[in-house]
Protein backbone atom coordinates (compact mmCIF):
# COMPACT_ATOMS: atom_id res chain seq x y z
CA MET A 1 -146.85 85.04 39.14
CA SER A 2 -149.12 85.36 36.09
CA ALA A 3 -147.49 85.92 32.73
CA ARG A 4 -147.80 89.53 31.49
CA VAL A 5 -149.34 90.19 28.08
CA LEU A 6 -149.27 93.55 26.27
CA VAL A 7 -151.97 94.14 23.61
CA VAL A 8 -151.24 96.86 21.03
CA ASP A 9 -154.14 97.53 18.63
CA ASP A 10 -155.89 100.70 17.46
CA GLU A 11 -159.32 99.02 17.45
CA ALA A 12 -161.00 99.30 20.86
CA ASN A 13 -163.26 96.27 20.32
CA ILE A 14 -160.25 94.07 19.52
CA ARG A 15 -158.45 95.30 22.65
CA MET A 16 -161.48 94.60 24.83
CA MET A 17 -162.03 91.12 23.36
CA LEU A 18 -158.40 90.21 23.95
CA ARG A 19 -158.50 91.57 27.52
CA VAL A 20 -161.54 89.43 28.38
CA CYS A 21 -160.02 86.36 26.72
CA LEU A 22 -156.58 86.68 28.30
CA GLU A 23 -157.64 87.79 31.78
CA GLY A 24 -160.13 84.92 31.83
CA ALA A 25 -157.17 82.59 31.30
CA GLY A 26 -155.29 84.15 34.22
CA TYR A 27 -152.90 86.48 32.37
CA ALA A 28 -152.09 90.03 33.51
CA VAL A 29 -153.05 92.29 30.59
CA THR A 30 -151.95 95.80 29.59
CA LEU A 31 -153.67 97.60 26.68
CA ALA A 32 -152.25 100.21 24.30
CA GLY A 33 -154.21 101.97 21.56
CA ASP A 34 -151.29 102.76 19.26
CA GLY A 35 -147.70 101.77 18.61
CA SER A 36 -146.05 104.57 20.56
CA ALA A 37 -148.15 103.84 23.65
CA GLY A 38 -147.30 100.15 23.33
CA VAL A 39 -143.55 100.78 23.20
CA ALA A 40 -143.80 103.14 26.17
CA ALA A 41 -145.75 100.56 28.19
CA ALA A 42 -143.16 97.90 27.40
CA ARG A 43 -140.35 100.17 28.50
CA ARG A 44 -142.08 100.79 31.85
CA ALA A 45 -142.83 97.11 32.50
CA PRO A 46 -141.47 94.62 29.95
CA PRO A 47 -144.20 92.02 29.19
CA ASP A 48 -143.67 88.31 28.62
CA VAL A 49 -145.74 88.40 25.42
CA ALA A 50 -146.86 91.27 23.18
CA LEU A 51 -149.75 90.93 20.71
CA VAL A 52 -149.16 93.69 18.15
CA ASP A 53 -151.43 94.74 15.27
CA LEU A 54 -149.67 95.11 11.92
CA ARG A 55 -151.51 98.12 10.47
CA MET A 56 -151.89 101.06 12.83
CA PRO A 57 -151.63 104.83 12.29
CA GLY A 58 -148.30 106.31 13.30
CA LEU A 59 -145.94 103.58 14.49
CA ASP A 60 -147.00 100.42 12.62
CA GLY A 61 -146.66 96.86 13.82
CA LEU A 62 -143.27 96.11 12.27
CA ALA A 63 -141.83 99.29 13.78
CA VAL A 64 -143.21 98.26 17.18
CA VAL A 65 -141.67 94.79 16.79
CA ARG A 66 -138.26 96.34 16.05
CA ALA A 67 -138.57 98.75 19.00
CA LEU A 68 -139.49 95.95 21.40
CA ALA A 69 -136.57 93.83 20.16
CA HIS A 70 -134.31 96.71 21.25
CA ASP A 71 -136.11 97.98 24.38
CA ALA A 72 -137.68 94.75 25.73
CA PRO A 73 -135.57 91.91 24.30
CA GLY A 74 -137.12 89.31 26.59
CA THR A 75 -140.60 89.90 25.14
CA ALA A 76 -142.02 87.33 22.71
CA VAL A 77 -143.90 89.28 20.03
CA VAL A 78 -146.87 87.89 18.09
CA LEU A 79 -147.97 90.04 15.15
CA MET A 80 -151.73 90.29 14.47
CA THR A 81 -152.78 90.97 10.89
CA ALA A 82 -155.80 90.80 8.59
CA TYR A 83 -153.34 90.71 5.71
CA ALA A 84 -151.66 87.38 6.44
CA THR A 85 -149.22 86.63 3.65
CA ILE A 86 -145.90 84.81 3.50
CA ASP A 87 -144.16 88.16 2.88
CA ASN A 88 -145.77 89.66 6.01
CA ALA A 89 -144.72 86.64 8.06
CA VAL A 90 -141.13 86.78 6.79
CA ASP A 91 -140.90 90.53 7.47
CA ALA A 92 -142.31 90.01 10.97
CA MET A 93 -139.83 87.23 11.80
CA ARG A 94 -136.91 89.31 10.49
CA ALA A 95 -138.05 92.22 12.64
CA GLY A 96 -138.08 90.02 15.75
CA ALA A 97 -141.58 88.52 16.00
CA VAL A 98 -141.85 84.85 16.93
CA ASP A 99 -145.30 84.17 15.44
CA TYR A 100 -148.29 85.82 13.81
CA LEU A 101 -152.08 85.58 14.12
CA ALA A 102 -154.33 86.03 11.09
CA LYS A 103 -157.50 88.08 11.72
CA PRO A 104 -160.25 87.21 12.35
CA PHE A 105 -159.14 84.85 15.11
CA THR A 106 -160.94 82.99 17.86
CA PRO A 107 -160.18 83.19 21.60
CA ALA A 108 -158.91 79.60 21.41
CA GLN A 109 -156.42 80.58 18.69
CA VAL A 110 -155.22 83.54 20.76
CA LEU A 111 -154.69 81.41 23.86
CA HIS A 112 -152.93 78.72 21.84
CA ALA A 113 -150.53 81.29 20.35
CA VAL A 114 -149.76 82.83 23.75
CA GLU A 115 -149.28 79.44 25.42
CA LYS A 116 -147.01 78.29 22.58
CA VAL A 117 -144.65 81.27 22.74
CA LEU A 118 -144.52 81.15 26.53
CA SER A 119 -143.67 77.45 26.34
CA GLN A 120 -140.89 78.15 23.85
CA ALA A 121 -139.55 80.92 26.08
CA ARG A 122 -139.41 78.57 29.08
CA VAL A 123 -137.52 75.97 27.06
CA ALA A 124 -135.10 78.62 25.77
CA HIS A 125 -134.48 79.68 29.38
CA GLU A 126 -133.83 76.08 30.41
CA LEU A 127 -131.43 75.54 27.53
CA ALA A 128 -129.57 78.73 28.41
CA GLU A 129 -129.19 77.44 31.95
CA LEU A 130 -127.92 74.10 30.64
CA LYS A 131 -125.42 75.92 28.42
CA ARG A 132 -124.17 78.01 31.33
CA ALA A 133 -123.78 74.80 33.30
CA GLY A 134 -121.43 73.46 30.64
CA GLY A 135 -123.80 71.73 28.23
CA ARG A 136 -122.88 71.60 24.55
CA GLY A 137 -124.20 70.16 21.33
CA VAL A 138 -127.22 70.77 19.13
CA ARG A 139 -130.20 72.41 20.81
CA PRO A 140 -133.54 70.62 20.63
CA ARG A 141 -136.14 72.36 18.48
CA PHE A 142 -139.77 72.55 19.58
CA ASP A 143 -141.12 74.81 16.85
CA THR A 144 -142.85 72.54 14.35
CA LYS A 145 -145.37 72.59 11.53
CA ASN A 146 -146.09 68.87 11.89
CA PRO A 147 -149.57 68.21 13.36
CA THR A 148 -148.47 65.05 15.20
CA MET A 149 -145.51 66.79 16.81
CA GLN A 150 -147.71 69.76 17.68
CA GLN A 151 -150.08 67.36 19.45
CA CYS A 152 -147.17 65.89 21.42
CA LEU A 153 -146.06 69.35 22.53
CA SER A 154 -149.61 70.33 23.40
CA LEU A 155 -150.02 67.17 25.45
CA ALA A 156 -146.76 67.85 27.29
CA ALA A 157 -147.89 71.41 28.08
CA ARG A 158 -151.22 70.16 29.44
CA ALA A 159 -149.69 67.31 31.46
CA ALA A 160 -146.78 69.35 32.84
CA PRO A 161 -148.64 71.12 35.70
CA THR A 162 -149.91 67.77 37.03
CA ASP A 163 -148.17 64.89 38.78
CA ALA A 164 -149.38 62.35 36.19
CA THR A 165 -146.93 59.74 34.91
CA VAL A 166 -146.11 60.34 31.25
CA LEU A 167 -144.99 57.70 28.72
CA LEU A 168 -143.14 58.90 25.61
CA LEU A 169 -143.01 56.48 22.70
CA GLY A 170 -141.22 56.63 19.37
CA GLU A 171 -138.20 55.49 17.43
CA THR A 172 -134.67 56.03 18.70
CA GLY A 173 -133.48 59.56 18.00
CA THR A 174 -136.88 61.23 17.78
CA GLY A 175 -136.23 63.48 20.79
CA LYS A 176 -138.00 61.68 23.65
CA GLY A 177 -135.32 62.73 26.14
CA TYR A 178 -135.54 66.36 25.03
CA LEU A 179 -139.33 66.28 25.35
CA ALA A 180 -139.00 64.85 28.87
CA ARG A 181 -136.77 67.79 29.82
CA HIS A 182 -139.22 70.14 28.12
CA LEU A 183 -142.07 68.72 30.22
CA HIS A 184 -140.00 69.11 33.39
CA ALA A 185 -139.17 72.72 32.46
CA LEU A 186 -142.89 73.49 32.12
CA SER A 187 -143.81 71.86 35.42
CA PRO A 188 -143.94 73.29 38.96
CA ARG A 189 -140.93 71.04 39.67
CA ARG A 190 -138.69 72.95 37.23
CA GLU A 191 -136.37 74.20 40.01
CA ARG A 192 -136.00 70.68 41.42
CA PRO A 193 -133.79 67.81 40.20
CA PHE A 194 -134.21 66.17 36.80
CA VAL A 195 -132.62 62.73 37.10
CA THR A 196 -132.18 60.38 34.13
CA PHE A 197 -131.86 56.61 34.47
CA ASN A 198 -131.30 54.61 31.26
CA CYS A 199 -132.63 51.12 31.81
CA ALA A 200 -130.81 49.78 28.73
CA VAL A 201 -127.23 50.62 29.71
CA VAL A 202 -127.07 49.14 33.23
CA ALA A 203 -126.41 45.44 33.72
CA PRO A 204 -129.66 43.65 34.71
CA SER A 205 -128.09 42.43 37.94
CA LEU A 206 -127.34 46.01 39.00
CA ILE A 207 -130.51 47.78 37.90
CA GLU A 208 -132.41 47.47 41.19
CA SER A 209 -129.40 48.71 43.17
CA GLU A 210 -128.80 51.65 40.81
CA LEU A 211 -132.46 52.61 40.68
CA PHE A 212 -133.56 52.06 44.28
CA GLY A 213 -130.24 52.04 46.16
CA HIS A 214 -128.86 49.35 48.47
CA ALA A 215 -128.10 48.74 52.14
CA LYS A 216 -124.64 48.07 53.50
CA GLY A 217 -123.76 44.39 53.04
CA ALA A 218 -126.61 43.80 50.57
CA PHE A 219 -124.18 41.98 48.26
CA THR A 220 -120.45 41.38 47.87
CA GLY A 221 -118.72 44.73 47.59
CA ALA A 222 -121.54 46.74 49.18
CA ASP A 223 -119.34 48.08 51.96
CA ARG A 224 -121.65 51.03 52.58
CA ALA A 225 -125.25 52.04 52.04
CA ARG A 226 -125.97 53.89 48.84
CA ALA A 227 -128.90 55.97 47.60
CA GLY A 228 -130.31 55.23 44.15
CA HIS A 229 -131.67 57.38 41.34
CA VAL A 230 -135.16 57.44 42.87
CA GLU A 231 -133.82 59.06 46.01
CA ALA A 232 -131.62 61.43 43.98
CA ALA A 233 -134.70 62.69 42.12
CA GLY A 234 -136.24 63.80 45.43
CA ASN A 235 -139.41 65.76 44.67
CA GLY A 236 -138.29 66.52 41.12
CA THR A 237 -138.63 64.41 37.97
CA LEU A 238 -137.28 60.89 37.44
CA PHE A 239 -136.85 60.16 33.72
CA LEU A 240 -136.73 56.42 33.00
CA ASP A 241 -135.26 56.15 29.52
CA GLU A 242 -135.75 52.87 27.62
CA VAL A 243 -138.12 51.59 30.27
CA GLY A 244 -139.04 48.75 27.90
CA ASP A 245 -135.66 47.19 28.73
CA LEU A 246 -136.37 47.07 32.48
CA PRO A 247 -135.98 43.45 33.68
CA ARG A 248 -139.15 41.70 34.77
CA GLU A 249 -137.79 41.38 38.32
CA ALA A 250 -137.50 45.15 38.72
CA GLN A 251 -140.87 45.92 37.17
CA GLY A 252 -142.79 44.99 40.32
CA LYS A 253 -140.73 47.42 42.40
CA LEU A 254 -141.35 50.18 39.89
CA LEU A 255 -145.07 49.43 40.00
CA ARG A 256 -145.01 49.83 43.79
CA LEU A 257 -143.21 53.16 43.40
CA LEU A 258 -145.89 54.41 41.01
CA GLU A 259 -148.87 53.13 42.98
CA GLU A 260 -147.76 53.70 46.58
CA HIS A 261 -144.90 56.20 46.20
CA GLU A 262 -142.75 53.79 48.21
CA TYR A 263 -139.63 51.75 47.50
CA VAL A 264 -137.15 49.58 49.42
CA ARG A 265 -133.39 49.61 48.98
CA VAL A 266 -131.82 46.28 47.98
CA GLY A 267 -130.96 44.33 51.12
CA ASP A 268 -133.09 46.56 53.34
CA THR A 269 -136.54 46.14 54.92
CA GLU A 270 -137.43 49.78 55.53
CA ALA A 271 -139.90 51.32 53.04
CA ARG A 272 -138.95 54.81 51.94
CA ARG A 273 -141.23 57.49 50.54
CA SER A 274 -140.71 59.17 47.17
CA ASP A 275 -142.42 62.25 45.77
CA ALA A 276 -140.66 62.05 42.40
CA ARG A 277 -142.76 62.50 39.27
CA VAL A 278 -142.00 59.74 36.74
CA VAL A 279 -141.63 60.30 33.01
CA ALA A 280 -140.74 57.19 31.00
CA ALA A 281 -139.70 56.59 27.41
CA THR A 282 -139.03 53.65 25.12
CA HIS A 283 -138.61 52.82 21.44
CA ARG A 284 -140.11 49.36 22.04
CA ASP A 285 -143.72 48.30 21.41
CA LEU A 286 -144.85 47.84 25.02
CA LYS A 287 -148.23 46.42 24.03
CA ALA A 288 -146.46 43.67 22.11
CA ALA A 289 -144.16 43.12 25.10
CA VAL A 290 -147.23 42.76 27.34
CA SER A 291 -148.68 40.17 24.95
CA ALA A 292 -145.34 38.34 24.92
CA GLY A 293 -145.25 38.30 28.73
CA THR A 294 -141.99 40.27 29.00
CA PHE A 295 -143.61 43.44 30.34
CA ARG A 296 -146.22 43.63 33.09
CA GLU A 297 -149.63 44.73 31.91
CA ASP A 298 -150.43 46.53 35.18
CA LEU A 299 -147.14 48.44 34.96
CA TYR A 300 -147.85 49.44 31.36
CA TYR A 301 -151.17 51.00 32.33
CA ARG A 302 -149.60 52.81 35.29
CA LEU A 303 -146.90 54.25 33.03
CA ALA A 304 -149.28 55.23 30.25
CA VAL A 305 -151.57 57.50 32.29
CA VAL A 306 -150.64 60.08 29.66
CA SER A 307 -148.82 58.84 26.56
CA ALA A 308 -147.53 60.42 23.37
CA THR A 309 -145.84 58.93 20.32
CA LEU A 310 -143.24 61.18 18.71
CA PRO A 311 -143.23 60.97 14.90
CA PRO A 312 -140.07 59.87 13.07
CA LEU A 313 -138.18 62.50 11.11
CA ARG A 314 -139.27 61.00 7.76
CA ALA A 315 -142.87 61.82 8.74
CA ARG A 316 -141.95 65.45 9.49
CA VAL A 317 -141.06 66.54 5.96
CA GLU A 318 -142.45 70.01 6.59
CA ASP A 319 -139.95 70.48 9.44
CA LEU A 320 -136.84 69.02 7.82
CA GLY A 321 -135.61 72.20 6.13
CA ASP A 322 -135.96 74.33 9.26
CA LEU A 323 -134.41 71.62 11.43
CA ALA A 324 -131.43 71.24 9.09
CA ASP A 325 -130.84 75.00 8.97
CA ALA A 326 -131.05 75.27 12.75
CA VAL A 327 -128.67 72.34 13.28
CA VAL A 328 -126.15 73.79 10.82
CA ALA A 329 -126.29 77.17 12.59
CA ASP A 330 -125.79 75.56 16.01
CA LEU A 331 -122.91 73.38 14.82
CA ALA A 332 -121.18 76.21 12.96
CA ALA A 333 -121.20 78.27 16.16
CA GLN A 334 -120.06 75.30 18.23
CA HIS A 335 -117.11 74.59 15.93
CA ARG A 336 -116.30 78.31 15.58
CA ARG A 337 -117.04 78.33 11.87
CA PRO A 338 -118.42 81.27 9.87
CA SER A 339 -122.07 81.18 8.88
CA LEU A 340 -122.85 78.20 6.62
CA THR A 341 -125.79 77.39 4.36
CA LEU A 342 -127.07 74.26 2.68
CA SER A 343 -126.82 74.21 -1.11
CA PRO A 344 -130.06 73.40 -3.00
CA ALA A 345 -128.62 70.03 -4.05
CA ALA A 346 -127.65 69.15 -0.47
CA ARG A 347 -131.08 70.22 0.73
CA ALA A 348 -132.70 67.98 -1.91
CA ALA A 349 -130.57 65.02 -0.79
CA LEU A 350 -131.52 65.55 2.86
CA GLY A 351 -135.19 65.72 1.87
CA ALA A 352 -135.04 62.47 -0.10
CA TYR A 353 -133.29 60.43 2.60
CA ARG A 354 -135.39 58.34 5.00
CA TRP A 355 -133.43 59.11 8.22
CA PRO A 356 -133.64 55.79 10.09
CA GLY A 357 -131.68 57.40 12.94
CA ASN A 358 -134.00 60.41 13.02
CA GLN A 359 -132.83 63.74 14.49
CA ARG A 360 -129.78 62.17 16.09
CA GLU A 361 -128.61 60.93 12.68
CA LEU A 362 -129.37 64.32 11.08
CA ALA A 363 -127.17 66.04 13.68
CA ASN A 364 -124.32 63.56 13.12
CA VAL A 365 -124.49 63.89 9.32
CA LEU A 366 -124.50 67.68 9.45
CA GLU A 367 -121.74 67.86 12.06
CA ARG A 368 -119.47 65.92 9.71
CA ALA A 369 -120.40 68.28 6.87
CA VAL A 370 -119.78 71.42 8.96
CA ILE A 371 -116.35 70.16 10.02
CA LEU A 372 -115.30 69.23 6.46
CA CYS A 373 -116.81 72.25 4.69
CA GLU A 374 -114.16 74.60 3.24
CA GLY A 375 -116.49 77.13 1.65
CA ASP A 376 -119.63 78.88 2.82
CA ALA A 377 -122.13 76.26 1.59
CA ILE A 378 -122.58 72.59 2.41
CA THR A 379 -122.67 70.59 -0.84
CA PRO A 380 -123.72 66.96 -1.46
CA ASP A 381 -120.11 65.71 -1.61
CA LEU A 382 -119.84 66.49 2.12
CA LEU A 383 -122.73 64.15 2.94
CA PRO A 384 -122.39 60.38 3.51
CA GLU A 385 -122.84 58.21 0.43
CA GLU A 386 -126.17 56.80 1.61
CA VAL A 387 -127.57 60.32 1.99
CA ARG A 388 -126.17 61.54 -1.35
CA GLY A 389 -127.57 58.48 -3.06
CA ALA A 390 -131.08 59.24 -1.85
CA ALA A 391 -131.37 62.37 -4.01
CA PRO A 392 -133.97 61.86 -6.76
CA VAL A 393 -132.46 61.36 -10.21
CA SER A 394 -134.77 61.42 -13.25
CA ALA A 395 -134.07 59.28 -16.28
CA PRO A 396 -132.85 61.40 -19.22
CA ASP A 397 -135.14 59.66 -21.69
CA ASP A 398 -138.24 60.14 -19.56
CA ASP A 399 -139.77 63.13 -21.31
CA THR A 400 -143.43 62.52 -20.57
CA LEU A 401 -145.58 65.36 -19.25
CA GLU A 402 -146.18 63.37 -16.06
CA ALA A 403 -142.42 62.91 -15.52
CA ALA A 404 -141.83 66.62 -16.08
CA GLU A 405 -144.54 67.49 -13.57
CA ARG A 406 -143.03 65.12 -11.01
CA ARG A 407 -139.56 66.66 -11.45
CA HIS A 408 -140.93 70.18 -11.14
CA ILE A 409 -142.93 69.39 -7.98
CA ALA A 410 -139.94 67.61 -6.42
CA SER A 411 -137.75 70.66 -7.15
CA VAL A 412 -140.22 73.09 -5.57
CA LEU A 413 -140.75 70.87 -2.52
CA ALA A 414 -136.98 70.68 -2.02
CA ARG A 415 -136.48 74.45 -1.96
CA THR A 416 -139.52 75.42 0.13
CA THR A 417 -140.08 74.90 3.83
CA SER A 418 -143.70 73.70 3.93
CA LEU A 419 -146.43 72.18 1.82
CA ASP A 420 -148.36 75.46 1.92
CA ALA A 421 -145.34 77.42 0.67
CA ALA A 422 -144.77 74.91 -2.13
CA ALA A 423 -148.44 75.05 -3.13
CA LYS A 424 -148.26 78.86 -3.28
CA ALA A 425 -145.14 78.72 -5.46
CA LEU A 426 -146.83 76.22 -7.80
CA GLY A 427 -150.10 78.16 -7.87
CA VAL A 428 -152.23 75.23 -6.72
CA ASP A 429 -154.35 74.42 -3.68
CA PRO A 430 -152.41 72.65 -0.84
CA SER A 431 -154.84 69.70 -0.96
CA THR A 432 -154.12 69.28 -4.69
CA LEU A 433 -150.38 69.33 -4.05
CA TYR A 434 -150.79 66.83 -1.22
CA ARG A 435 -152.54 64.37 -3.55
CA LYS A 436 -149.89 64.82 -6.26
CA ARG A 437 -147.11 64.38 -3.73
CA GLU A 438 -148.64 61.10 -2.57
CA ARG A 439 -149.23 59.97 -6.17
CA TYR A 440 -145.60 60.57 -7.15
CA GLY A 441 -144.17 59.18 -3.91
CA LEU A 442 -142.48 62.47 -2.99
CA ARG A 443 -141.54 63.49 0.54
């Protein structure tokens, strides 16, 4: 069924443009010419997404957002405004909006915003299901200001409806497994199995049996036939984690699975069919492995029909503050602690650290801090020594104007959540701040 979009705007030409744009993309659209009509329409038939104008006579946009949060809590609200400021955005998010569009906007920007919030809603639904099934831990976060991460999410959204094999690359801890689940949740296979097989944790001698299954008597101890992970995936998704560690002997069988959708159990002669969609991930440089002869070139190209490289956390400086806040909130709830915040000094230390373990290391560091915290704020003394030691310390005798500027910029970057916000606080253009940040080696 098509997603339902409610458009609330007092300008008829805006309503008509949005109807043409959204219906052309396959959405079911309802129009409302003022805030009261929009709230009434949402009460009759709660939409998946509501595009709400900020300034309207009578019930304004923020009032509509608050009403929808109460009357249609499952609706993702995007505020539309010609007066796009940080204050407007903050007010909108506090009222319950998930995003905002600055007028004038293009049809492509509208569709991108709608697709993004629908994608986030699907992931939230999947995570809720996982939680009900007994899952615990820190939730993955797919809202990002980082262009590279945005490209990865966009690629996943575009590849999800297809059966194409997807290869996810990136350092350990960057969230490749979460993105694989995200892709599965966006796909038509979302109600079918999602089966994970980690090629790095199974003994090489057992990998073929675990992955493809074995026949009775195939080897000593095989007293009965057994299905493998490929068969368990059925017509769902098979996630091959750390595929770069797959032994050369098993690579040929995987290639056959990808090319012919067939496999043979160890010790058997009968070819079996598989309709599983394969998503693979690795932290290894597969091109280098191909050059070294440890990974088959033909298999690499079959895996990399669609590929994406997730950026390391140190390259996502604009996301670090939001990620840290979200992780602290999740962990505080998990450990039944009252609401906790990060002190400015702790936030500065987190921002200066390089995070070789990426998001996984961030979660571990903050879990320790949440458990040990006795007050209502996480301070640097609760962080590991290597993280505390990364905080920038200026020399007391360095009183040059350049040193003062560097300290001031570092301070503003540490307490703001994005380069744009920092540039606004400093009263400079974002491109100017970017050049100064690079010049001073700040992140």
